[in-house]
Amino acid sequence: MPELPDYLYFLTEGFADLNTQKPMITVVDYGAGNILSVTRALEHVGATTIVTGDPKIVEQAEKLLLPGVGAFGRAMDNLSQRDLIEPIRGHAASGRPFLGVCLGMQLMLNGSEEFGGHEGLGLIPGNVVSIPRTTSHGDPHKIPHIGWNTLLQPQPGRWKNTILDGIDKTIGMYFVHSFSAAPTNETDRLADTDYNGQIISAAIQHENLTGLQCHPEKSGSVGLRVLKNFIDQ
């Protein structure tokens, strides 16, 4: 390959410097994610994104986001067929920032009882269980849980130095789900939400691993603040 003229060399070097100023977020593409809206939201708050199903890129990512909508078992099958399970586990074990969103959060646990039971990624101890079909008073309520709900701190100060640091607790975030994460260790609960008196998990966190049941990319300014916190980790 011929050498570049000096003026082109410095021009390309300048662009390289500009590119490195933006955090790089790798979004896993495995056929089960709301990828377009996620990447647009990340780019809106200052990230550069790469959408990929390449196992090597996934494992070596600076920061990894696992999206997801749909059925737990199908999603795990998709990850397996694309040889992505071990690379995701490898990235999680590396200590680098990892975020699972919606189904992506549920996949982080050991397994799910959805449609008879399926094994998960096992990144955080726990299982995915059905949302109770009645309110705390025993009255039937709508499943799936769809709509805007505020987040609750399981313990005072729990959100400090996490992706929920500094968010406005009075503004809701958007949920669409029939199942909820139930981490084994209460200390891994980052946020809950109250659905007609039933307290269900809204976010989990263990060391470098964070999961959000709500959709930050669909949650307006609060969701964008959460994503900004993630890319700034």
C-alpha atoms as a PDB file:
ATOM      1  CA  MET A   1       0.000   0.000   0.000  1.00  0.00           C
ATOM      2  CA  PRO A   2       1.547   3.393  -0.993  1.00  0.00           C
ATOM      3  CA  GLU A   3       2.410   5.883   1.702  1.00  0.00           C
ATOM      4  CA  LEU A   4      -0.019   8.736   2.224  1.00  0.00           C
ATOM      5  CA  PRO A   5       1.108  12.290   1.447  1.00  0.00           C
ATOM      6  CA  ASP A   6       1.951  14.218   4.603  1.00  0.00           C
ATOM      7  CA  TYR A   7      -1.164  16.390   4.448  1.00  0.00           C
ATOM      8  CA  LEU A   8      -3.428  13.328   4.178  1.00  0.00           C
ATOM      9  CA  TYR A   9      -1.516  11.568   6.934  1.00  0.00           C
ATOM     10  CA  PHE A  10      -2.106  14.412   9.374  1.00  0.00           C
ATOM     11  CA  LEU A  11      -5.736  14.699   8.266  1.00  0.00           C
ATOM     12  CA  THR A  12      -6.433  11.049   8.960  1.00  0.00           C
ATOM     13  CA  GLU A  13      -4.525  11.259  12.220  1.00  0.00           C
ATOM     14  CA  GLY A  14      -6.777  14.128  13.251  1.00  0.00           C
ATOM     15  CA  PHE A  15      -9.886  12.100  12.569  1.00  0.00           C
ATOM     16  CA  ALA A  16      -8.449   9.165  14.499  1.00  0.00           C
ATOM     17  CA  ASP A  17      -7.914  11.430  17.491  1.00  0.00           C
ATOM     18  CA  LEU A  18     -11.485  12.645  17.264  1.00  0.00           C
ATOM     19  CA  ASN A  19     -12.817   9.092  17.110  1.00  0.00           C
ATOM     20  CA  THR A  20     -10.881   7.986  20.187  1.00  0.00           C
ATOM     21  CA  GLN A  21     -12.498  10.738  22.233  1.00  0.00           C
ATOM     22  CA  LYS A  22     -15.844   8.948  22.071  1.00  0.00           C
ATOM     23  CA  PRO A  23     -16.412   5.811  24.143  1.00  0.00           C
ATOM     24  CA  MET A  24     -16.946   2.706  22.024  1.00  0.00           C
ATOM     25  CA  ILE A  25     -19.987   0.592  22.918  1.00  0.00           C
ATOM     26  CA  THR A  26     -20.318  -2.831  21.305  1.00  0.00           C
ATOM     27  CA  VAL A  27     -23.952  -3.934  20.898  1.00  0.00           C
ATOM     28  CA  VAL A  28     -24.473  -7.673  20.522  1.00  0.00           C
ATOM     29  CA  ASP A  29     -26.496  -8.621  17.447  1.00  0.00           C
ATOM     30  CA  TYR A  30     -28.006 -12.078  17.890  1.00  0.00           C
ATOM     31  CA  GLY A  31     -31.380 -11.668  16.206  1.00  0.00           C
ATOM     32  CA  ALA A  32     -33.347 -10.779  19.338  1.00  0.00           C
ATOM     33  CA  GLY A  33     -32.701  -7.129  20.080  1.00  0.00           C
ATOM     34  CA  ASN A  34     -34.213  -3.690  19.661  1.00  0.00           C
ATOM     35  CA  ILE A  35     -30.912  -2.615  18.161  1.00  0.00           C
ATOM     36  CA  LEU A  36     -31.714   0.482  16.122  1.00  0.00           C
ATOM     37  CA  SER A  37     -33.273   2.494  18.949  1.00  0.00           C
ATOM     38  CA  VAL A  38     -30.552   1.381  21.384  1.00  0.00           C
ATOM     39  CA  THR A  39     -27.706   2.462  19.105  1.00  0.00           C
ATOM     40  CA  ARG A  40     -29.382   5.784  18.298  1.00  0.00           C
ATOM     41  CA  ALA A  41     -29.807   6.532  21.993  1.00  0.00           C
ATOM     42  CA  LEU A  42     -26.182   5.646  22.740  1.00  0.00           C
ATOM     43  CA  GLU A  43     -24.930   7.837  19.918  1.00  0.00           C
ATOM     44  CA  HIS A  44     -27.184  10.679  21.072  1.00  0.00           C
ATOM     45  CA  VAL A  45     -25.398  10.739  24.433  1.00  0.00           C
ATOM     46  CA  GLY A  46     -21.917  10.672  22.943  1.00  0.00           C
ATOM     47  CA  ALA A  47     -20.936   7.086  22.212  1.00  0.00           C
ATOM     48  CA  THR A  48     -19.623   5.424  19.099  1.00  0.00           C
ATOM     49  CA  THR A  49     -21.371   2.103  18.525  1.00  0.00           C
ATOM     50  CA  ILE A  50     -20.504  -1.099  16.757  1.00  0.00           C
ATOM     51  CA  VAL A  51     -23.248  -3.676  16.181  1.00  0.00           C
ATOM     52  CA  THR A  52     -21.817  -7.151  15.767  1.00  0.00           C
ATOM     53  CA  GLY A  53     -22.363 -10.864  16.083  1.00  0.00           C
ATOM     54  CA  ASP A  54     -18.645 -11.618  15.762  1.00  0.00           C
ATOM     55  CA  PRO A  55     -17.561 -13.624  18.839  1.00  0.00           C
ATOM     56  CA  LYS A  56     -14.023 -12.195  18.856  1.00  0.00           C
ATOM     57  CA  ILE A  57     -15.233  -8.594  18.758  1.00  0.00           C
ATOM     58  CA  VAL A  58     -17.777  -9.307  21.503  1.00  0.00           C
ATOM     59  CA  GLU A  59     -15.212 -10.845  23.851  1.00  0.00           C
ATOM     60  CA  GLN A  60     -12.699  -8.033  23.335  1.00  0.00           C
ATOM     61  CA  ALA A  61     -15.209  -5.153  23.528  1.00  0.00           C
ATOM     62  CA  GLU A  62     -14.337  -2.137  25.651  1.00  0.00           C
ATOM     63  CA  LYS A  63     -17.938  -1.902  26.875  1.00  0.00           C
ATOM     64  CA  LEU A  64     -20.619  -4.434  25.952  1.00  0.00           C
ATOM     65  CA  LEU A  65     -24.392  -4.020  25.727  1.00  0.00           C
ATOM     66  CA  LEU A  66     -26.665  -7.052  25.392  1.00  0.00           C
ATOM     67  CA  PRO A  67     -30.151  -6.003  24.237  1.00  0.00           C
ATOM     68  CA  GLY A  68     -33.111  -8.302  23.841  1.00  0.00           C
ATOM     69  CA  VAL A  69     -36.824  -8.688  23.266  1.00  0.00           C
ATOM     70  CA  GLY A  70     -38.834 -11.890  22.998  1.00  0.00           C
ATOM     71  CA  ALA A  71     -38.573 -15.353  24.518  1.00  0.00           C
ATOM     72  CA  PHE A  72     -35.733 -16.392  26.848  1.00  0.00           C
ATOM     73  CA  GLY A  73     -35.206 -19.867  25.341  1.00  0.00           C
ATOM     74  CA  ARG A  74     -35.135 -18.635  21.761  1.00  0.00           C
ATOM     75  CA  ALA A  75     -32.647 -15.927  22.695  1.00  0.00           C
ATOM     76  CA  MET A  76     -30.292 -18.438  24.333  1.00  0.00           C
ATOM     77  CA  ASP A  77     -30.593 -20.680  21.252  1.00  0.00           C
ATOM     78  CA  ASN A  78     -29.658 -17.728  19.050  1.00  0.00           C
ATOM     79  CA  LEU A  79     -26.612 -16.944  21.187  1.00  0.00           C
ATOM     80  CA  SER A  80     -25.545 -20.583  21.105  1.00  0.00           C
ATOM     81  CA  GLN A  81     -25.954 -20.931  17.347  1.00  0.00           C
ATOM     82  CA  ARG A  82     -23.768 -17.858  16.826  1.00  0.00           C
ATOM     83  CA  ASP A  83     -21.076 -19.102  19.272  1.00  0.00           C
ATOM     84  CA  LEU A  84     -21.615 -16.029  21.450  1.00  0.00           C
ATOM     85  CA  ILE A  85     -22.220 -17.546  24.882  1.00  0.00           C
ATOM     86  CA  GLU A  86     -18.584 -18.084  25.899  1.00  0.00           C
ATOM     87  CA  PRO A  87     -17.388 -14.740  24.444  1.00  0.00           C
ATOM     88  CA  ILE A  88     -20.091 -12.932  26.453  1.00  0.00           C
ATOM     89  CA  ARG A  89     -19.073 -14.826  29.584  1.00  0.00           C
ATOM     90  CA  GLY A  90     -15.434 -14.030  28.856  1.00  0.00           C
ATOM     91  CA  HIS A  91     -16.151 -10.327  28.542  1.00  0.00           C
ATOM     92  CA  ALA A  92     -18.207 -10.354  31.739  1.00  0.00           C
ATOM     93  CA  ALA A  93     -15.362 -12.035  33.628  1.00  0.00           C
ATOM     94  CA  SER A  94     -12.845  -9.471  32.369  1.00  0.00           C
ATOM     95  CA  GLY A  95     -14.121  -6.695  34.646  1.00  0.00           C
ATOM     96  CA  ARG A  96     -15.048  -4.428  31.736  1.00  0.00           C
ATOM     97  CA  PRO A  97     -18.461  -2.690  31.790  1.00  0.00           C
ATOM     98  CA  PHE A  98     -21.399  -4.871  30.739  1.00  0.00           C
ATOM     99  CA  LEU A  99     -25.058  -3.851  30.422  1.00  0.00           C
ATOM    100  CA  GLY A 100     -28.022  -6.119  29.702  1.00  0.00           C
ATOM    101  CA  VAL A 101     -31.318  -4.482  28.703  1.00  0.00           C
ATOM    102  CA  CYS A 102     -34.780  -6.063  29.092  1.00  0.00           C
ATOM    103  CA  LEU A 103     -34.425  -9.690  27.928  1.00  0.00           C
ATOM    104  CA  GLY A 104     -30.678  -9.040  27.869  1.00  0.00           C
ATOM    105  CA  MET A 105     -30.853  -8.482  31.639  1.00  0.00           C
ATOM    106  CA  GLN A 106     -32.821 -11.687  32.190  1.00  0.00           C
ATOM    107  CA  LEU A 107     -30.287 -13.710  30.191  1.00  0.00           C
ATOM    108  CA  MET A 108     -27.606 -12.656  32.685  1.00  0.00           C
ATOM    109  CA  LEU A 109     -29.104 -14.907  35.371  1.00  0.00           C
ATOM    110  CA  ASN A 110     -28.803 -18.691  35.823  1.00  0.00           C
ATOM    111  CA  GLY A 111     -32.081 -19.517  34.135  1.00  0.00           C
ATOM    112  CA  SER A 112     -35.730 -18.748  33.517  1.00  0.00           C
ATOM    113  CA  GLU A 113     -38.976 -20.571  34.248  1.00  0.00           C
ATOM    114  CA  GLU A 114     -40.467 -19.227  31.009  1.00  0.00           C
ATOM    115  CA  PHE A 115     -42.032 -21.979  28.843  1.00  0.00           C
ATOM    116  CA  GLY A 116     -40.812 -24.814  31.021  1.00  0.00           C
ATOM    117  CA  GLY A 117     -37.386 -23.551  32.006  1.00  0.00           C
ATOM    118  CA  HIS A 118     -34.156 -22.646  30.220  1.00  0.00           C
ATOM    119  CA  GLU A 119     -30.521 -22.175  31.230  1.00  0.00           C
ATOM    120  CA  GLY A 120     -29.133 -18.636  31.127  1.00  0.00           C
ATOM    121  CA  LEU A 121     -25.660 -17.122  30.950  1.00  0.00           C
ATOM    122  CA  GLY A 122     -25.056 -17.478  34.685  1.00  0.00           C
ATOM    123  CA  LEU A 123     -23.342 -14.117  35.101  1.00  0.00           C
ATOM    124  CA  ILE A 124     -25.275 -13.174  38.252  1.00  0.00           C
ATOM    125  CA  PRO A 125     -26.787 -15.837  40.553  1.00  0.00           C
ATOM    126  CA  GLY A 126     -30.568 -15.982  40.359  1.00  0.00           C
ATOM    127  CA  ASN A 127     -33.505 -16.901  38.174  1.00  0.00           C
ATOM    128  CA  VAL A 128     -36.188 -15.257  36.083  1.00  0.00           C
ATOM    129  CA  VAL A 129     -39.715 -15.742  37.420  1.00  0.00           C
ATOM    130  CA  SER A 130     -43.232 -14.802  36.363  1.00  0.00           C
ATOM    131  CA  ILE A 131     -44.621 -11.479  37.515  1.00  0.00           C
ATOM    132  CA  PRO A 132     -47.489 -12.184  39.948  1.00  0.00           C
ATOM    133  CA  ARG A 133     -50.795 -12.157  38.077  1.00  0.00           C
ATOM    134  CA  THR A 134     -52.624 -10.358  40.851  1.00  0.00           C
ATOM    135  CA  THR A 135     -52.133  -7.107  42.724  1.00  0.00           C
ATOM    136  CA  SER A 136     -51.020  -7.111  46.349  1.00  0.00           C
ATOM    137  CA  HIS A 137     -54.750  -7.149  47.227  1.00  0.00           C
ATOM    138  CA  GLY A 138     -55.397 -10.262  45.156  1.00  0.00           C
ATOM    139  CA  ASP A 139     -57.147  -8.565  42.247  1.00  0.00           C
ATOM    140  CA  PRO A 140     -56.203  -9.583  38.684  1.00  0.00           C
ATOM    141  CA  HIS A 141     -54.024  -7.103  36.827  1.00  0.00           C
ATOM    142  CA  LYS A 142     -52.599  -6.880  33.337  1.00  0.00           C
ATOM    143  CA  ILE A 143     -49.721  -9.122  32.270  1.00  0.00           C
ATOM    144  CA  PRO A 144     -47.438  -8.219  30.578  1.00  0.00           C
ATOM    145  CA  HIS A 145     -46.551  -5.228  32.673  1.00  0.00           C
ATOM    146  CA  ILE A 146     -46.480  -2.387  30.148  1.00  0.00           C
ATOM    147  CA  GLY A 147     -46.008   1.257  30.975  1.00  0.00           C
ATOM    148  CA  TRP A 148     -44.126   3.866  32.952  1.00  0.00           C
ATOM    149  CA  ASN A 149     -43.042   3.198  36.523  1.00  0.00           C
ATOM    150  CA  THR A 150     -40.661   4.960  38.866  1.00  0.00           C
ATOM    151  CA  LEU A 151     -37.634   3.160  40.271  1.00  0.00           C
ATOM    152  CA  LEU A 152     -37.132   2.386  43.958  1.00  0.00           C
ATOM    153  CA  GLN A 153     -33.812   2.041  45.803  1.00  0.00           C
ATOM    154  CA  PRO A 154     -33.641  -1.247  47.737  1.00  0.00           C
ATOM    155  CA  GLN A 155     -31.169   0.351  50.155  1.00  0.00           C
ATOM    156  CA  PRO A 156     -30.366   4.040  50.771  1.00  0.00           C
ATOM    157  CA  GLY A 157     -27.427   5.201  48.686  1.00  0.00           C
ATOM    158  CA  ARG A 158     -27.487   2.048  46.545  1.00  0.00           C
ATOM    159  CA  TRP A 159     -27.292   4.042  43.306  1.00  0.00           C
ATOM    160  CA  LYS A 160     -24.127   5.977  44.081  1.00  0.00           C
ATOM    161  CA  ASN A 161     -21.430   5.321  41.460  1.00  0.00           C
ATOM    162  CA  THR A 162     -23.783   3.135  39.394  1.00  0.00           C
ATOM    163  CA  ILE A 163     -25.566   3.812  36.111  1.00  0.00           C
ATOM    164  CA  LEU A 164     -28.553   5.099  38.140  1.00  0.00           C
ATOM    165  CA  ASP A 165     -26.477   7.730  39.927  1.00  0.00           C
ATOM    166  CA  GLY A 166     -28.103  11.146  39.729  1.00  0.00           C
ATOM    167  CA  ILE A 167     -31.332  10.171  37.966  1.00  0.00           C
ATOM    168  CA  ASP A 168     -34.599  11.875  38.852  1.00  0.00           C
ATOM    169  CA  LYS A 169     -36.432   9.289  40.970  1.00  0.00           C
ATOM    170  CA  THR A 170     -39.767  11.021  40.395  1.00  0.00           C
ATOM    171  CA  ILE A 171     -39.768  10.329  36.647  1.00  0.00           C
ATOM    172  CA  GLY A 172     -40.757   6.881  35.415  1.00  0.00           C
ATOM    173  CA  MET A 173     -39.026   4.572  32.984  1.00  0.00           C
ATOM    174  CA  TYR A 174     -40.700   2.385  30.376  1.00  0.00           C
ATOM    175  CA  PHE A 175     -41.317  -1.333  30.973  1.00  0.00           C
ATOM    176  CA  VAL A 176     -42.608  -4.162  28.770  1.00  0.00           C
ATOM    177  CA  HIS A 177     -42.265  -7.610  30.366  1.00  0.00           C
ATOM    178  CA  SER A 178     -44.056 -10.657  31.771  1.00  0.00           C
ATOM    179  CA  PHE A 179     -41.094 -12.041  33.724  1.00  0.00           C
ATOM    180  CA  SER A 180     -38.818 -10.502  36.315  1.00  0.00           C
ATOM    181  CA  ALA A 181     -35.290 -11.154  37.551  1.00  0.00           C
ATOM    182  CA  ALA A 182     -34.980 -12.598  41.041  1.00  0.00           C
ATOM    183  CA  PRO A 183     -31.295 -12.412  42.036  1.00  0.00           C
ATOM    184  CA  THR A 184     -30.180 -14.856  44.720  1.00  0.00           C
ATOM    185  CA  ASN A 185     -28.305 -12.174  46.648  1.00  0.00           C
ATOM    186  CA  GLU A 186     -30.318  -9.165  47.773  1.00  0.00           C
ATOM    187  CA  THR A 187     -27.188  -7.039  47.431  1.00  0.00           C
ATOM    188  CA  ASP A 188     -27.380  -7.577  43.650  1.00  0.00           C
ATOM    189  CA  ARG A 189     -30.733  -5.737  43.479  1.00  0.00           C
ATOM    190  CA  LEU A 190     -29.982  -2.271  42.127  1.00  0.00           C
ATOM    191  CA  ALA A 191     -33.555  -1.033  41.701  1.00  0.00           C
ATOM    192  CA  ASP A 192     -37.124  -2.245  42.085  1.00  0.00           C
ATOM    193  CA  THR A 193     -40.461  -0.996  40.844  1.00  0.00           C
ATOM    194  CA  ASP A 194     -43.947  -1.200  42.344  1.00  0.00           C
ATOM    195  CA  TYR A 195     -46.518  -2.787  40.039  1.00  0.00           C
ATOM    196  CA  ASN A 196     -49.860  -2.525  41.826  1.00  0.00           C
ATOM    197  CA  GLY A 197     -48.261  -3.385  45.144  1.00  0.00           C
ATOM    198  CA  GLN A 198     -46.033  -6.146  43.784  1.00  0.00           C
ATOM    199  CA  ILE A 199     -42.357  -5.211  44.171  1.00  0.00           C
ATOM    200  CA  ILE A 200     -40.474  -6.515  41.149  1.00  0.00           C
ATOM    201  CA  SER A 201     -36.862  -6.176  40.079  1.00  0.00           C
ATOM    202  CA  ALA A 202     -36.135  -3.270  37.751  1.00  0.00           C
ATOM    203  CA  ALA A 203     -32.322  -3.402  37.737  1.00  0.00           C
ATOM    204  CA  ILE A 204     -29.552  -5.661  38.991  1.00  0.00           C
ATOM    205  CA  GLN A 205     -25.840  -5.097  39.469  1.00  0.00           C
ATOM    206  CA  HIS A 206     -22.832  -7.115  40.538  1.00  0.00           C
ATOM    207  CA  GLU A 207     -19.402  -5.512  40.215  1.00  0.00           C
ATOM    208  CA  ASN A 208     -18.977  -4.608  36.494  1.00  0.00           C
ATOM    209  CA  LEU A 209     -22.263  -6.258  35.454  1.00  0.00           C
ATOM    210  CA  THR A 210     -25.510  -4.286  35.284  1.00  0.00           C
ATOM    211  CA  GLY A 211     -28.945  -5.226  33.987  1.00  0.00           C
ATOM    212  CA  LEU A 212     -31.998  -3.059  33.334  1.00  0.00           C
ATOM    213  CA  GLN A 213     -35.463  -4.533  32.952  1.00  0.00           C
ATOM    214  CA  CYS A 214     -36.793  -1.169  31.783  1.00  0.00           C
ATOM    215  CA  HIS A 215     -35.914   0.256  28.373  1.00  0.00           C
ATOM    216  CA  PRO A 216     -33.608   3.283  28.757  1.00  0.00           C
ATOM    217  CA  GLU A 217     -33.735   3.925  25.010  1.00  0.00           C
ATOM    218  CA  LYS A 218     -37.513   4.455  25.305  1.00  0.00           C
ATOM    219  CA  SER A 219     -37.501   6.358  28.604  1.00  0.00           C
ATOM    220  CA  GLY A 220     -36.821   9.930  27.547  1.00  0.00           C
ATOM    221  CA  SER A 221     -34.312  12.112  29.376  1.00  0.00           C
ATOM    222  CA  VAL A 222     -34.013   9.783  32.382  1.00  0.00           C
ATOM    223  CA  GLY A 223     -33.169   6.833  30.141  1.00  0.00           C
ATOM    224  CA  LEU A 224     -30.601   8.890  28.275  1.00  0.00           C
ATOM    225  CA  ARG A 225     -28.981   9.867  31.587  1.00  0.00           C
ATOM    226  CA  VAL A 226     -28.716   6.188  32.500  1.00  0.00           C
ATOM    227  CA  LEU A 227     -27.033   5.374  29.167  1.00  0.00           C
ATOM    228  CA  LYS A 228     -24.703   8.349  29.599  1.00  0.00           C
ATOM    229  CA  ASN A 229     -23.688   7.002  32.996  1.00  0.00           C
ATOM    230  CA  PHE A 230     -22.952   3.637  31.378  1.00  0.00           C
ATOM    231  CA  ILE A 231     -20.733   5.043  28.639  1.00  0.00           C
ATOM    232  CA  ASP A 232     -18.890   7.155  31.213  1.00  0.00           C
ATOM    233  CA  GLN A 233     -17.987   4.131  33.364  1.00  0.00           C
END
